[in-house]
Amino acid sequence: MKNNPIIPYILIMAFGIGLIFFMSLEGVGNKEEIAQHGEEGTTEEEGGGATAEGAGGEQLVSTCIGCHGGDLTGGMGPSLVDKDAEHIVDVLVNGIEGTPMTPGMKTPEEAQAIADYITSLQ
């Protein structure tokens, strides 16, 4: 009797599909916990100290921390802890030529919320 070389691949595929199925059931079982965690309004980025508090903080976590660092003292981008709110709003709305800070990144309202959050950390 000759062994079929495709059988191990079929077994691995069946195991993978089963694993995905059971992992998705675990996620469905935890959806209330996940939703509750998302509604708390606080998110901490790994390695940083900035938390999201209100709309400005949530936008900060999602857009600024990647370049300016978790504690906003600089990373790829400069430190934000010594900037005033007017400067932050201006940069977010009008951008800085030659940098990733392009004009129109945020609406004036979003920019003001982010600026208020950053200055509240100072």
PDB file of N, CA and C in Angstrom:
ATOM      1  N   MET A   1       0.836  -1.174   0.000  1.00  0.00           N
ATOM      2  CA  MET A   1       0.000   0.000   0.000  1.00  0.00           C
ATOM      3  C   MET A   1       0.887   1.245   0.000  1.00  0.00           C
ATOM      4  N   LYS A   2       0.587   2.204  -0.864  1.00  0.00           N
ATOM      5  CA  LYS A   2       1.395   3.400  -1.027  1.00  0.00           C
ATOM      6  C   LYS A   2       0.778   4.551  -0.239  1.00  0.00           C
ATOM      7  N   ASN A   3       1.615   5.311   0.496  1.00  0.00           N
ATOM      8  CA  ASN A   3       1.139   6.466   1.256  1.00  0.00           C
ATOM      9  C   ASN A   3       0.916   7.650   0.325  1.00  0.00           C
ATOM     10  N   ASN A   4      -0.163   8.357   0.571  1.00  0.00           N
ATOM     11  CA  ASN A   4      -0.479   9.533  -0.225  1.00  0.00           C
ATOM     12  C   ASN A   4       0.214  10.746   0.413  1.00  0.00           C
ATOM     13  N   PRO A   5       1.058  11.476  -0.314  1.00  0.00           N
ATOM     14  CA  PRO A   5       1.800  12.591   0.288  1.00  0.00           C
ATOM     15  C   PRO A   5       0.933  13.807   0.610  1.00  0.00           C
ATOM     16  N   ILE A   6      -0.284  13.874   0.159  1.00  0.00           N
ATOM     17  CA  ILE A   6      -1.143  15.033   0.419  1.00  0.00           C
ATOM     18  C   ILE A   6      -1.867  14.922   1.760  1.00  0.00           C
ATOM     19  N   ILE A   7      -1.942  13.747   2.334  1.00  0.00           N
ATOM     20  CA  ILE A   7      -2.683  13.533   3.584  1.00  0.00           C
ATOM     21  C   ILE A   7      -2.168  14.413   4.725  1.00  0.00           C
ATOM     22  N   PRO A   8      -0.850  14.545   4.963  1.00  0.00           N
ATOM     23  CA  PRO A   8      -0.418  15.434   6.051  1.00  0.00           C
ATOM     24  C   PRO A   8      -0.875  16.879   5.853  1.00  0.00           C
ATOM     25  N   TYR A   9      -0.900  17.366   4.620  1.00  0.00           N
ATOM     26  CA  TYR A   9      -1.339  18.728   4.352  1.00  0.00           C
ATOM     27  C   TYR A   9      -2.826  18.900   4.629  1.00  0.00           C
ATOM     28  N   ILE A  10      -3.593  17.890   4.298  1.00  0.00           N
ATOM     29  CA  ILE A  10      -5.031  17.939   4.572  1.00  0.00           C
ATOM     30  C   ILE A  10      -5.282  17.935   6.077  1.00  0.00           C
ATOM     31  N   LEU A  11      -4.515  17.135   6.812  1.00  0.00           N
ATOM     32  CA  LEU A  11      -4.661  17.109   8.272  1.00  0.00           C
ATOM     33  C   LEU A  11      -4.292  18.447   8.892  1.00  0.00           C
ATOM     34  N   ILE A  12      -3.222  19.070   8.427  1.00  0.00           N
ATOM     35  CA  ILE A  12      -2.815  20.381   8.945  1.00  0.00           C
ATOM     36  C   ILE A  12      -3.882  21.427   8.638  1.00  0.00           C
ATOM     37  N   MET A  13      -4.434  21.387   7.428  1.00  0.00           N
ATOM     38  CA  MET A  13      -5.490  22.320   7.054  1.00  0.00           C
ATOM     39  C   MET A  13      -6.717  22.129   7.949  1.00  0.00           C
ATOM     40  N   ALA A  14      -7.125  20.895   8.178  1.00  0.00           N
ATOM     41  CA  ALA A  14      -8.292  20.618   9.015  1.00  0.00           C
ATOM     42  C   ALA A  14      -8.045  21.087  10.450  1.00  0.00           C
ATOM     43  N   PHE A  15      -6.838  20.868  10.964  1.00  0.00           N
ATOM     44  CA  PHE A  15      -6.497  21.335  12.304  1.00  0.00           C
ATOM     45  C   PHE A  15      -6.561  22.862  12.375  1.00  0.00           C
ATOM     46  N   GLY A  16      -6.044  23.548  11.367  1.00  0.00           N
ATOM     47  CA  GLY A  16      -6.067  25.014  11.334  1.00  0.00           C
ATOM     48  C   GLY A  16      -7.480  25.564  11.295  1.00  0.00           C
ATOM     49  N   ILE A  17      -8.325  24.972  10.475  1.00  0.00           N
ATOM     50  CA  ILE A  17      -9.719  25.422  10.395  1.00  0.00           C
ATOM     51  C   ILE A  17     -10.429  25.191  11.726  1.00  0.00           C
ATOM     52  N   GLY A  18     -10.187  24.057  12.344  1.00  0.00           N
ATOM     53  CA  GLY A  18     -10.782  23.785  13.654  1.00  0.00           C
ATOM     54  C   GLY A  18     -10.300  24.755  14.710  1.00  0.00           C
ATOM     55  N   LEU A  19      -9.025  25.074  14.696  1.00  0.00           N
ATOM     56  CA  LEU A  19      -8.459  26.017  15.659  1.00  0.00           C
ATOM     57  C   LEU A  19      -9.071  27.404  15.483  1.00  0.00           C
ATOM     58  N   ILE A  20      -9.208  27.862  14.264  1.00  0.00           N
ATOM     59  CA  ILE A  20      -9.831  29.158  14.004  1.00  0.00           C
ATOM     60  C   ILE A  20     -11.275  29.162  14.506  1.00  0.00           C
ATOM     61  N   PHE A  21     -12.001  28.078  14.262  1.00  0.00           N
ATOM     62  CA  PHE A  21     -13.394  27.980  14.705  1.00  0.00           C
ATOM     63  C   PHE A  21     -13.491  28.099  16.227  1.00  0.00           C
ATOM     64  N   PHE A  22     -12.690  27.328  16.951  1.00  0.00           N
ATOM     65  CA  PHE A  22     -12.760  27.356  18.409  1.00  0.00           C
ATOM     66  C   PHE A  22     -12.251  28.673  18.990  1.00  0.00           C
ATOM     67  N   MET A  23     -11.281  29.294  18.362  1.00  0.00           N
ATOM     68  CA  MET A  23     -10.810  30.602  18.838  1.00  0.00           C
ATOM     69  C   MET A  23     -11.873  31.677  18.628  1.00  0.00           C
ATOM     70  N   SER A  24     -12.623  31.594  17.533  1.00  0.00           N
ATOM     71  CA  SER A  24     -13.687  32.567  17.300  1.00  0.00           C
ATOM     72  C   SER A  24     -14.810  32.387  18.318  1.00  0.00           C
ATOM     73  N   LEU A  25     -15.086  31.151  18.729  1.00  0.00           N
ATOM     74  CA  LEU A  25     -16.092  30.926  19.777  1.00  0.00           C
ATOM     75  C   LEU A  25     -15.652  31.567  21.087  1.00  0.00           C
ATOM     76  N   GLU A  26     -14.378  31.504  21.390  1.00  0.00           N
ATOM     77  CA  GLU A  26     -13.846  32.143  22.602  1.00  0.00           C
ATOM     78  C   GLU A  26     -14.038  33.650  22.527  1.00  0.00           C
ATOM     79  N   GLY A  27     -13.795  34.244  21.359  1.00  0.00           N
ATOM     80  CA  GLY A  27     -13.988  35.686  21.184  1.00  0.00           C
ATOM     81  C   GLY A  27     -15.444  36.089  21.334  1.00  0.00           C
ATOM     82  N   VAL A  28     -16.355  35.298  20.796  1.00  0.00           N
ATOM     83  CA  VAL A  28     -17.781  35.588  20.914  1.00  0.00           C
ATOM     84  C   VAL A  28     -18.192  35.523  22.381  1.00  0.00           C
ATOM     85  N   GLY A  29     -17.634  34.570  23.114  1.00  0.00           N
ATOM     86  CA  GLY A  29     -17.959  34.442  24.533  1.00  0.00           C
ATOM     87  C   GLY A  29     -17.456  35.611  25.358  1.00  0.00           C
ATOM     88  N   ASN A  30     -16.434  36.311  24.885  1.00  0.00           N
ATOM     89  CA  ASN A  30     -15.854  37.425  25.635  1.00  0.00           C
ATOM     90  C   ASN A  30     -16.253  38.784  25.089  1.00  0.00           C
ATOM     91  N   LYS A  31     -17.243  38.854  24.193  1.00  0.00           N
ATOM     92  CA  LYS A  31     -17.558  40.123  23.555  1.00  0.00           C
ATOM     93  C   LYS A  31     -18.067  41.170  24.548  1.00  0.00           C
ATOM     94  N   GLU A  32     -18.794  40.766  25.583  1.00  0.00           N
ATOM     95  CA  GLU A  32     -19.254  41.736  26.575  1.00  0.00           C
ATOM     96  C   GLU A  32     -18.067  42.337  27.328  1.00  0.00           C
ATOM     97  N   GLU A  33     -17.110  41.504  27.684  1.00  0.00           N
ATOM     98  CA  GLU A  33     -15.922  41.984  28.391  1.00  0.00           C
ATOM     99  C   GLU A  33     -15.112  42.929  27.504  1.00  0.00           C
ATOM    100  N   ILE A  34     -14.981  42.582  26.241  1.00  0.00           N
ATOM    101  CA  ILE A  34     -14.241  43.426  25.302  1.00  0.00           C
ATOM    102  C   ILE A  34     -14.953  44.762  25.117  1.00  0.00           C
ATOM    103  N   ALA A  35     -16.278  44.745  24.973  1.00  0.00           N
ATOM    104  CA  ALA A  35     -17.050  45.972  24.808  1.00  0.00           C
ATOM    105  C   ALA A  35     -16.967  46.835  26.049  1.00  0.00           C
ATOM    106  N   GLN A  36     -17.010  46.227  27.221  1.00  0.00           N
ATOM    107  CA  GLN A  36     -16.920  46.982  28.463  1.00  0.00           C
ATOM    108  C   GLN A  36     -15.558  47.639  28.586  1.00  0.00           C
ATOM    109  N   HIS A  37     -14.512  46.939  28.210  1.00  0.00           N
ATOM    110  CA  HIS A  37     -13.168  47.504  28.267  1.00  0.00           C
ATOM    111  C   HIS A  37     -13.047  48.694  27.321  1.00  0.00           C
ATOM    112  N   GLY A  38     -13.677  48.634  26.164  1.00  0.00           N
ATOM    113  CA  GLY A  38     -13.626  49.731  25.199  1.00  0.00           C
ATOM    114  C   GLY A  38     -14.400  50.946  25.660  1.00  0.00           C
ATOM    115  N   GLU A  39     -15.425  50.775  26.491  1.00  0.00           N
ATOM    116  CA  GLU A  39     -16.243  51.883  26.964  1.00  0.00           C
ATOM    117  C   GLU A  39     -15.651  52.589  28.172  1.00  0.00           C
ATOM    118  N   GLU A  40     -14.620  52.034  28.773  1.00  0.00           N
ATOM    119  CA  GLU A  40     -14.040  52.637  29.967  1.00  0.00           C
ATOM    120  C   GLU A  40     -13.437  54.003  29.689  1.00  0.00           C
ATOM    121  N   GLY A  41     -12.963  54.236  28.442  1.00  0.00           N
ATOM    122  CA  GLY A  41     -12.437  55.543  28.099  1.00  0.00           C
ATOM    123  C   GLY A  41     -10.980  55.729  28.428  1.00  0.00           C
ATOM    124  N   THR A  42     -10.319  54.703  28.905  1.00  0.00           N
ATOM    125  CA  THR A  42      -8.896  54.835  29.175  1.00  0.00           C
ATOM    126  C   THR A  42      -8.165  53.739  28.455  1.00  0.00           C
ATOM    127  N   THR A  43      -7.118  54.140  27.777  1.00  0.00           N
ATOM    128  CA  THR A  43      -6.303  53.200  27.037  1.00  0.00           C
ATOM    129  C   THR A  43      -4.860  53.554  27.294  1.00  0.00           C
ATOM    130  N   GLU A  44      -4.043  52.589  27.614  1.00  0.00           N
ATOM    131  CA  GLU A  44      -2.631  52.850  27.836  1.00  0.00           C
ATOM    132  C   GLU A  44      -1.832  52.151  26.764  1.00  0.00           C
ATOM    133  N   GLU A  45      -1.015  52.921  26.078  1.00  0.00           N
ATOM    134  CA  GLU A  45      -0.133  52.352  25.073  1.00  0.00           C
ATOM    135  C   GLU A  45       1.019  51.653  25.772  1.00  0.00           C
ATOM    136  N   GLU A  46       1.459  50.532  25.228  1.00  0.00           N
ATOM    137  CA  GLU A  46       2.581  49.819  25.816  1.00  0.00           C
ATOM    138  C   GLU A  46       3.815  50.685  25.800  1.00  0.00           C
ATOM    139  N   GLY A  47       4.511  50.721  26.913  1.00  0.00           N
ATOM    140  CA  GLY A  47       5.756  51.456  26.994  1.00  0.00           C
ATOM    141  C   GLY A  47       5.580  52.939  27.193  1.00  0.00           C
ATOM    142  N   GLY A  48       4.363  53.432  27.309  1.00  0.00           N
ATOM    143  CA  GLY A  48       4.177  54.868  27.463  1.00  0.00           C
ATOM    144  C   GLY A  48       3.251  55.171  28.601  1.00  0.00           C
ATOM    145  N   GLY A  49       3.205  56.439  28.985  1.00  0.00           N
ATOM    146  CA  GLY A  49       2.396  56.832  30.103  1.00  0.00           C
ATOM    147  C   GLY A  49       1.174  57.631  29.724  1.00  0.00           C
ATOM    148  N   ALA A  50       0.962  57.919  28.444  1.00  0.00           N
ATOM    149  CA  ALA A  50      -0.174  58.726  28.051  1.00  0.00           C
ATOM    150  C   ALA A  50      -1.426  57.860  28.012  1.00  0.00           C
ATOM    151  N   THR A  51      -2.500  58.376  28.597  1.00  0.00           N
ATOM    152  CA  THR A  51      -3.764  57.658  28.580  1.00  0.00           C
ATOM    153  C   THR A  51      -4.800  58.508  27.881  1.00  0.00           C
ATOM    154  N   ALA A  52      -5.815  57.859  27.364  1.00  0.00           N
ATOM    155  CA  ALA A  52      -6.886  58.574  26.680  1.00  0.00           C
ATOM    156  C   ALA A  52      -7.923  58.997  27.693  1.00  0.00           C
ATOM    157  N   GLU A  53      -8.182  60.276  27.758  1.00  0.00           N
ATOM    158  CA  GLU A  53      -9.221  60.800  28.631  1.00  0.00           C
ATOM    159  C   GLU A  53     -10.061  61.742  27.802  1.00  0.00           C
ATOM    160  N   GLY A  54     -11.206  61.294  27.356  1.00  0.00           N
ATOM    161  CA  GLY A  54     -12.069  62.108  26.525  1.00  0.00           C
ATOM    162  C   GLY A  54     -11.669  62.023  25.064  1.00  0.00           C
ATOM    163  N   ALA A  55     -12.347  62.820  24.244  1.00  0.00           N
ATOM    164  CA  ALA A  55     -12.138  62.753  22.794  1.00  0.00           C
ATOM    165  C   ALA A  55     -10.724  63.119  22.397  1.00  0.00           C
ATOM    166  N   GLY A  56     -10.155  64.158  23.002  1.00  0.00           N
ATOM    167  CA  GLY A  56      -8.798  64.561  22.646  1.00  0.00           C
ATOM    168  C   GLY A  56      -7.789  63.489  22.967  1.00  0.00           C
ATOM    169  N   GLY A  57      -7.938  62.833  24.099  1.00  0.00           N
ATOM    170  CA  GLY A  57      -7.014  61.770  24.478  1.00  0.00           C
ATOM    171  C   GLY A  57      -7.114  60.565  23.572  1.00  0.00           C
ATOM    172  N   GLU A  58      -8.325  60.190  23.170  1.00  0.00           N
ATOM    173  CA  GLU A  58      -8.499  59.056  22.273  1.00  0.00           C
ATOM    174  C   GLU A  58      -7.842  59.325  20.923  1.00  0.00           C
ATOM    175  N   GLN A  59      -8.004  60.550  20.409  1.00  0.00           N
ATOM    176  CA  GLN A  59      -7.375  60.902  19.145  1.00  0.00           C
ATOM    177  C   GLN A  59      -5.864  60.948  19.300  1.00  0.00           C
ATOM    178  N   LEU A  60      -5.398  61.405  20.445  1.00  0.00           N
ATOM    179  CA  LEU A  60      -3.963  61.464  20.703  1.00  0.00           C
ATOM    180  C   LEU A  60      -3.362  60.075  20.666  1.00  0.00           C
ATOM    181  N   VAL A  61      -3.999  59.140  21.341  1.00  0.00           N
ATOM    182  CA  VAL A  61      -3.493  57.775  21.378  1.00  0.00           C
ATOM    183  C   VAL A  61      -3.433  57.194  19.971  1.00  0.00           C
ATOM    184  N   SER A  62      -4.437  57.475  19.164  1.00  0.00           N
ATOM    185  CA  SER A  62      -4.483  56.856  17.839  1.00  0.00           C
ATOM    186  C   SER A  62      -3.641  57.563  16.796  1.00  0.00           C
ATOM    187  N   THR A  63      -3.278  58.812  16.999  1.00  0.00           N
ATOM    188  CA  THR A  63      -2.562  59.519  15.935  1.00  0.00           C
ATOM    189  C   THR A  63      -1.198  60.064  16.317  1.00  0.00           C
ATOM    190  N   CYS A  64      -0.981  60.441  17.546  1.00  0.00           N
ATOM    191  CA  CYS A  64       0.243  61.166  17.904  1.00  0.00           C
ATOM    192  C   CYS A  64       1.332  60.294  18.522  1.00  0.00           C
ATOM    193  N   ILE A  65       0.936  59.338  19.324  1.00  0.00           N
ATOM    194  CA  ILE A  65       1.899  58.568  20.098  1.00  0.00           C
ATOM    195  C   ILE A  65       2.861  57.785  19.217  1.00  0.00           C
ATOM    196  N   GLY A  66       2.410  57.358  18.057  1.00  0.00           N
ATOM    197  CA  GLY A  66       3.282  56.593  17.166  1.00  0.00           C
ATOM    198  C   GLY A  66       4.565  57.328  16.823  1.00  0.00           C
ATOM    199  N   CYS A  67       4.490  58.630  16.641  1.00  0.00           N
ATOM    200  CA  CYS A  67       5.683  59.411  16.277  1.00  0.00           C
ATOM    201  C   CYS A  67       6.284  60.183  17.453  1.00  0.00           C
ATOM    202  N   HIS A  68       5.438  60.658  18.352  1.00  0.00           N
ATOM    203  CA  HIS A  68       5.916  61.527  19.422  1.00  0.00           C
ATOM    204  C   HIS A  68       6.191  60.783  20.729  1.00  0.00           C
ATOM    205  N   GLY A  69       6.031  59.475  20.745  1.00  0.00           N
ATOM    206  CA  GLY A  69       6.349  58.676  21.924  1.00  0.00           C
ATOM    207  C   GLY A  69       5.192  58.557  22.885  1.00  0.00           C
ATOM    208  N   GLY A  70       5.219  57.504  23.675  1.00  0.00           N
ATOM    209  CA  GLY A  70       4.145  57.231  24.621  1.00  0.00           C
ATOM    210  C   GLY A  70       3.970  58.294  25.676  1.00  0.00           C
ATOM    211  N   ASP A  71       5.051  58.950  26.063  1.00  0.00           N
ATOM    212  CA  ASP A  71       4.952  60.021  27.055  1.00  0.00           C
ATOM    213  C   ASP A  71       5.051  61.400  26.407  1.00  0.00           C
ATOM    214  N   LEU A  72       5.014  61.448  25.079  1.00  0.00           N
ATOM    215  CA  LEU A  72       5.022  62.676  24.278  1.00  0.00           C
ATOM    216  C   LEU A  72       6.296  63.490  24.407  1.00  0.00           C
ATOM    217  N   THR A  73       7.365  62.880  24.880  1.00  0.00           N
ATOM    218  CA  THR A  73       8.636  63.598  25.004  1.00  0.00           C
ATOM    219  C   THR A  73       9.494  63.453  23.762  1.00  0.00           C
ATOM    220  N   GLY A  74       8.955  62.866  22.724  1.00  0.00           N
ATOM    221  CA  GLY A  74       9.677  62.760  21.467  1.00  0.00           C
ATOM    222  C   GLY A  74       9.949  61.325  21.100  1.00  0.00           C
ATOM    223  N   GLY A  75      10.114  61.128  19.860  1.00  0.00           N
ATOM    224  CA  GLY A  75      10.428  59.833  19.272  1.00  0.00           C
ATOM    225  C   GLY A  75      10.938  60.158  17.891  1.00  0.00           C
ATOM    226  N   MET A  76      10.216  59.718  16.888  1.00  0.00           N
ATOM    227  CA  MET A  76      10.531  60.126  15.525  1.00  0.00           C
ATOM    228  C   MET A  76      10.207  61.626  15.368  1.00  0.00           C
ATOM    229  N   GLY A  77       9.168  62.078  16.052  1.00  0.00           N
ATOM    230  CA  GLY A  77       8.786  63.490  16.042  1.00  0.00           C
ATOM    231  C   GLY A  77       9.271  64.170  17.304  1.00  0.00           C
ATOM    232  N   PRO A  78       9.188  65.502  17.341  1.00  0.00           N
ATOM    233  CA  PRO A  78       9.681  66.250  18.510  1.00  0.00           C
ATOM    234  C   PRO A  78       8.781  66.085  19.739  1.00  0.00           C
ATOM    235  N   SER A  79       9.281  66.540  20.869  1.00  0.00           N
ATOM    236  CA  SER A  79       8.521  66.524  22.116  1.00  0.00           C
ATOM    237  C   SER A  79       7.325  67.459  22.002  1.00  0.00           C
ATOM    238  N   LEU A  80       6.202  67.054  22.566  1.00  0.00           N
ATOM    239  CA  LEU A  80       5.013  67.900  22.579  1.00  0.00           C
ATOM    240  C   LEU A  80       4.738  68.502  23.941  1.00  0.00           C
ATOM    241  N   VAL A  81       5.472  68.082  24.951  1.00  0.00           N
ATOM    242  CA  VAL A  81       5.153  68.523  26.308  1.00  0.00           C
ATOM    243  C   VAL A  81       5.455  70.001  26.537  1.00  0.00           C
ATOM    244  N   ASP A  82       6.310  70.596  25.713  1.00  0.00           N
ATOM    245  CA  ASP A  82       6.635  72.006  25.900  1.00  0.00           C
ATOM    246  C   ASP A  82       5.930  72.921  24.905  1.00  0.00           C
ATOM    247  N   LYS A  83       4.999  72.392  24.125  1.00  0.00           N
ATOM    248  CA  LYS A  83       4.293  73.180  23.115  1.00  0.00           C
ATOM    249  C   LYS A  83       3.005  73.749  23.700  1.00  0.00           C
ATOM    250  N   ASP A  84       2.643  74.964  23.243  1.00  0.00           N
ATOM    251  CA  ASP A  84       1.383  75.539  23.698  1.00  0.00           C
ATOM    252  C   ASP A  84       0.238  75.089  22.782  1.00  0.00           C
ATOM    253  N   ALA A  85      -0.981  75.246  23.262  1.00  0.00           N
ATOM    254  CA  ALA A  85      -2.160  74.745  22.553  1.00  0.00           C
ATOM    255  C   ALA A  85      -2.309  75.393  21.180  1.00  0.00           C
ATOM    256  N   GLU A  86      -2.017  76.674  21.081  1.00  0.00           N
ATOM    257  CA  GLU A  86      -2.164  77.375  19.801  1.00  0.00           C
ATOM    258  C   GLU A  86      -1.244  76.778  18.735  1.00  0.00           C
ATOM    259  N   HIS A  87      -0.009  76.467  19.111  1.00  0.00           N
ATOM    260  CA  HIS A  87       0.946  75.864  18.172  1.00  0.00           C
ATOM    261  C   HIS A  87       0.469  74.472  17.733  1.00  0.00           C
ATOM    262  N   ILE A  88      -0.014  73.683  18.675  1.00  0.00           N
ATOM    263  CA  ILE A  88      -0.473  72.320  18.363  1.00  0.00           C
ATOM    264  C   ILE A  88      -1.653  72.372  17.394  1.00  0.00           C
ATOM    265  N   VAL A  89      -2.619  73.264  17.646  1.00  0.00           N
ATOM    266  CA  VAL A  89      -3.771  73.396  16.764  1.00  0.00           C
ATOM    267  C   VAL A  89      -3.317  73.827  15.371  1.00  0.00           C
ATOM    268  N   ASP A  90      -2.421  74.801  15.301  1.00  0.00           N
ATOM    269  CA  ASP A  90      -1.925  75.290  14.018  1.00  0.00           C
ATOM    270  C   ASP A  90      -1.278  74.166  13.205  1.00  0.00           C
ATOM    271  N   VAL A  91      -0.443  73.360  13.855  1.00  0.00           N
ATOM    272  CA  VAL A  91       0.244  72.275  13.141  1.00  0.00           C
ATOM    273  C   VAL A  91      -0.741  71.209  12.685  1.00  0.00           C
ATOM    274  N   LEU A  92      -1.697  70.844  13.524  1.00  0.00           N
ATOM    275  CA  LEU A  92      -2.658  69.808  13.145  1.00  0.00           C
ATOM    276  C   LEU A  92      -3.586  70.246  12.016  1.00  0.00           C
ATOM    277  N   VAL A  93      -3.894  71.524  11.960  1.00  0.00           N
ATOM    278  CA  VAL A  93      -4.796  72.025  10.921  1.00  0.00           C
ATOM    279  C   VAL A  93      -4.027  72.391   9.651  1.00  0.00           C
ATOM    280  N   ASN A  94      -2.880  73.085   9.798  1.00  0.00           N
ATOM    281  CA  ASN A  94      -2.148  73.603   8.638  1.00  0.00           C
ATOM    282  C   ASN A  94      -0.942  72.771   8.232  1.00  0.00           C
ATOM    283  N   GLY A  95      -0.475  71.901   9.109  1.00  0.00           N
ATOM    284  CA  GLY A  95       0.666  71.046   8.795  1.00  0.00           C
ATOM    285  C   GLY A  95       2.001  71.777   8.849  1.00  0.00           C
ATOM    286  N   ILE A  96       3.066  71.026   8.603  1.00  0.00           N
ATOM    287  CA  ILE A  96       4.417  71.569   8.506  1.00  0.00           C
ATOM    288  C   ILE A  96       5.015  71.007   7.228  1.00  0.00           C
ATOM    289  N   GLU A  97       5.379  71.887   6.316  1.00  0.00           N
ATOM    290  CA  GLU A  97       5.906  71.459   5.018  1.00  0.00           C
ATOM    291  C   GLU A  97       7.172  70.624   5.185  1.00  0.00           C
ATOM    292  N   GLY A  98       7.239  69.537   4.424  1.00  0.00           N
ATOM    293  CA  GLY A  98       8.411  68.666   4.440  1.00  0.00           C
ATOM    294  C   GLY A  98       8.426  67.644   5.560  1.00  0.00           C
ATOM    295  N   THR A  99       7.321  67.514   6.288  1.00  0.00           N
ATOM    296  CA  THR A  99       7.220  66.542   7.377  1.00  0.00           C
ATOM    297  C   THR A  99       5.966  65.698   7.168  1.00  0.00           C
ATOM    298  N   PRO A 100       5.809  64.640   7.948  1.00  0.00           N
ATOM    299  CA  PRO A 100       4.565  63.858   7.857  1.00  0.00           C
ATOM    300  C   PRO A 100       3.331  64.623   8.339  1.00  0.00           C
ATOM    301  N   MET A 101       3.515  65.788   8.928  1.00  0.00           N
ATOM    302  CA  MET A 101       2.398  66.597   9.416  1.00  0.00           C
ATOM    303  C   MET A 101       1.816  67.380   8.241  1.00  0.00           C
ATOM    304  N   THR A 102       0.903  66.744   7.507  1.00  0.00           N
ATOM    305  CA  THR A 102       0.312  67.354   6.323  1.00  0.00           C
ATOM    306  C   THR A 102      -0.862  68.248   6.698  1.00  0.00           C
ATOM    307  N   PRO A 103      -1.161  69.254   5.879  1.00  0.00           N
ATOM    308  CA  PRO A 103      -2.319  70.109   6.156  1.00  0.00           C
ATOM    309  C   PRO A 103      -3.611  69.304   6.177  1.00  0.00           C
ATOM    310  N   GLY A 104      -4.523  69.680   7.061  1.00  0.00           N
ATOM    311  CA  GLY A 104      -5.826  69.038   7.130  1.00  0.00           C
ATOM    312  C   GLY A 104      -5.841  67.704   7.852  1.00  0.00           C
ATOM    313  N   MET A 105      -4.819  67.421   8.661  1.00  0.00           N
ATOM    314  CA  MET A 105      -4.811  66.152   9.388  1.00  0.00           C
ATOM    315  C   MET A 105      -6.011  66.039  10.315  1.00  0.00           C
ATOM    316  N   LYS A 106      -6.388  67.134  10.922  1.00  0.00           N
ATOM    317  CA  LYS A 106      -7.522  67.160  11.846  1.00  0.00           C
ATOM    318  C   LYS A 106      -8.352  68.402  11.584  1.00  0.00           C
ATOM    319  N   THR A 107      -9.635  68.331  11.930  1.00  0.00           N
ATOM    320  CA  THR A 107     -10.496  69.504  11.869  1.00  0.00           C
ATOM    321  C   THR A 107     -10.087  70.431  13.011  1.00  0.00           C
ATOM    322  N   PRO A 108     -10.449  71.705  12.942  1.00  0.00           N
ATOM    323  CA  PRO A 108     -10.104  72.612  14.052  1.00  0.00           C
ATOM    324  C   PRO A 108     -10.646  72.134  15.407  1.00  0.00           C
ATOM    325  N   GLU A 109     -11.825  71.517  15.407  1.00  0.00           N
ATOM    326  CA  GLU A 109     -12.398  71.033  16.670  1.00  0.00           C
ATOM    327  C   GLU A 109     -11.590  69.864  17.229  1.00  0.00           C
ATOM    328  N   GLU A 110     -11.230  68.915  16.345  1.00  0.00           N
ATOM    329  CA  GLU A 110     -10.417  67.778  16.782  1.00  0.00           C
ATOM    330  C   GLU A 110      -9.049  68.252  17.255  1.00  0.00           C
ATOM    331  N   ALA A 111      -8.471  69.189  16.514  1.00  0.00           N
ATOM    332  CA  ALA A 111      -7.160  69.711  16.878  1.00  0.00           C
ATOM    333  C   ALA A 111      -7.202  70.392  18.242  1.00  0.00           C
ATOM    334  N   GLN A 112      -8.269  71.142  18.507  1.00  0.00           N
ATOM    335  CA  GLN A 112      -8.391  71.819  19.805  1.00  0.00           C
ATOM    336  C   GLN A 112      -8.533  70.809  20.934  1.00  0.00           C
ATOM    337  N   ALA A 113      -9.299  69.732  20.714  1.00  0.00           N
ATOM    338  CA  ALA A 113      -9.449  68.696  21.740  1.00  0.00           C
ATOM    339  C   ALA A 113      -8.102  68.050  22.045  1.00  0.00           C
ATOM    340  N   ILE A 114      -7.326  67.763  21.011  1.00  0.00           N
ATOM    341  CA  ILE A 114      -5.987  67.159  21.211  1.00  0.00           C
ATOM    342  C   ILE A 114      -5.086  68.138  21.941  1.00  0.00           C
ATOM    343  N   ALA A 115      -5.100  69.409  21.518  1.00  0.00           N
ATOM    344  CA  ALA A 115      -4.259  70.425  22.157  1.00  0.00           C
ATOM    345  C   ALA A 115      -4.622  70.599  23.629  1.00  0.00           C
ATOM    346  N   ASP A 116      -5.919  70.622  23.933  1.00  0.00           N
ATOM    347  CA  ASP A 116      -6.346  70.745  25.328  1.00  0.00           C
ATOM    348  C   ASP A 116      -5.849  69.554  26.154  1.00  0.00           C
ATOM    349  N   TYR A 117      -5.909  68.376  25.570  1.00  0.00           N
ATOM    350  CA  TYR A 117      -5.446  67.182  26.283  1.00  0.00           C
ATOM    351  C   TYR A 117      -3.945  67.255  26.540  1.00  0.00           C
ATOM    352  N   ILE A 118      -3.188  67.618  25.519  1.00  0.00           N
ATOM    353  CA  ILE A 118      -1.719  67.668  25.677  1.00  0.00           C
ATOM    354  C   ILE A 118      -1.335  68.706  26.711  1.00  0.00           C
ATOM    355  N   THR A 119      -1.957  69.897  26.660  1.00  0.00           N
ATOM    356  CA  THR A 119      -1.596  70.927  27.637  1.00  0.00           C
ATOM    357  C   THR A 119      -2.052  70.561  29.041  1.00  0.00           C
ATOM    358  N   SER A 120      -3.086  69.716  29.164  1.00  0.00           N
ATOM    359  CA  SER A 120      -3.506  69.297  30.504  1.00  0.00           C
ATOM    360  C   SER A 120      -2.487  68.345  31.139  1.00  0.00           C
ATOM    361  N   LEU A 121      -1.642  67.727  30.297  1.00  0.00           N
ATOM    362  CA  LEU A 121      -0.617  66.825  30.824  1.00  0.00           C
ATOM    363  C   LEU A 121       0.602  67.563  31.350  1.00  0.00           C
ATOM    364  N   GLN A 122       0.750  68.831  30.940  1.00  0.00           N
ATOM    365  CA  GLN A 122       1.963  69.584  31.299  1.00  0.00           C
ATOM    366  C   GLN A 122       1.997  70.009  32.728  1.00  0.00           C
TER     367      GLN A 122
END
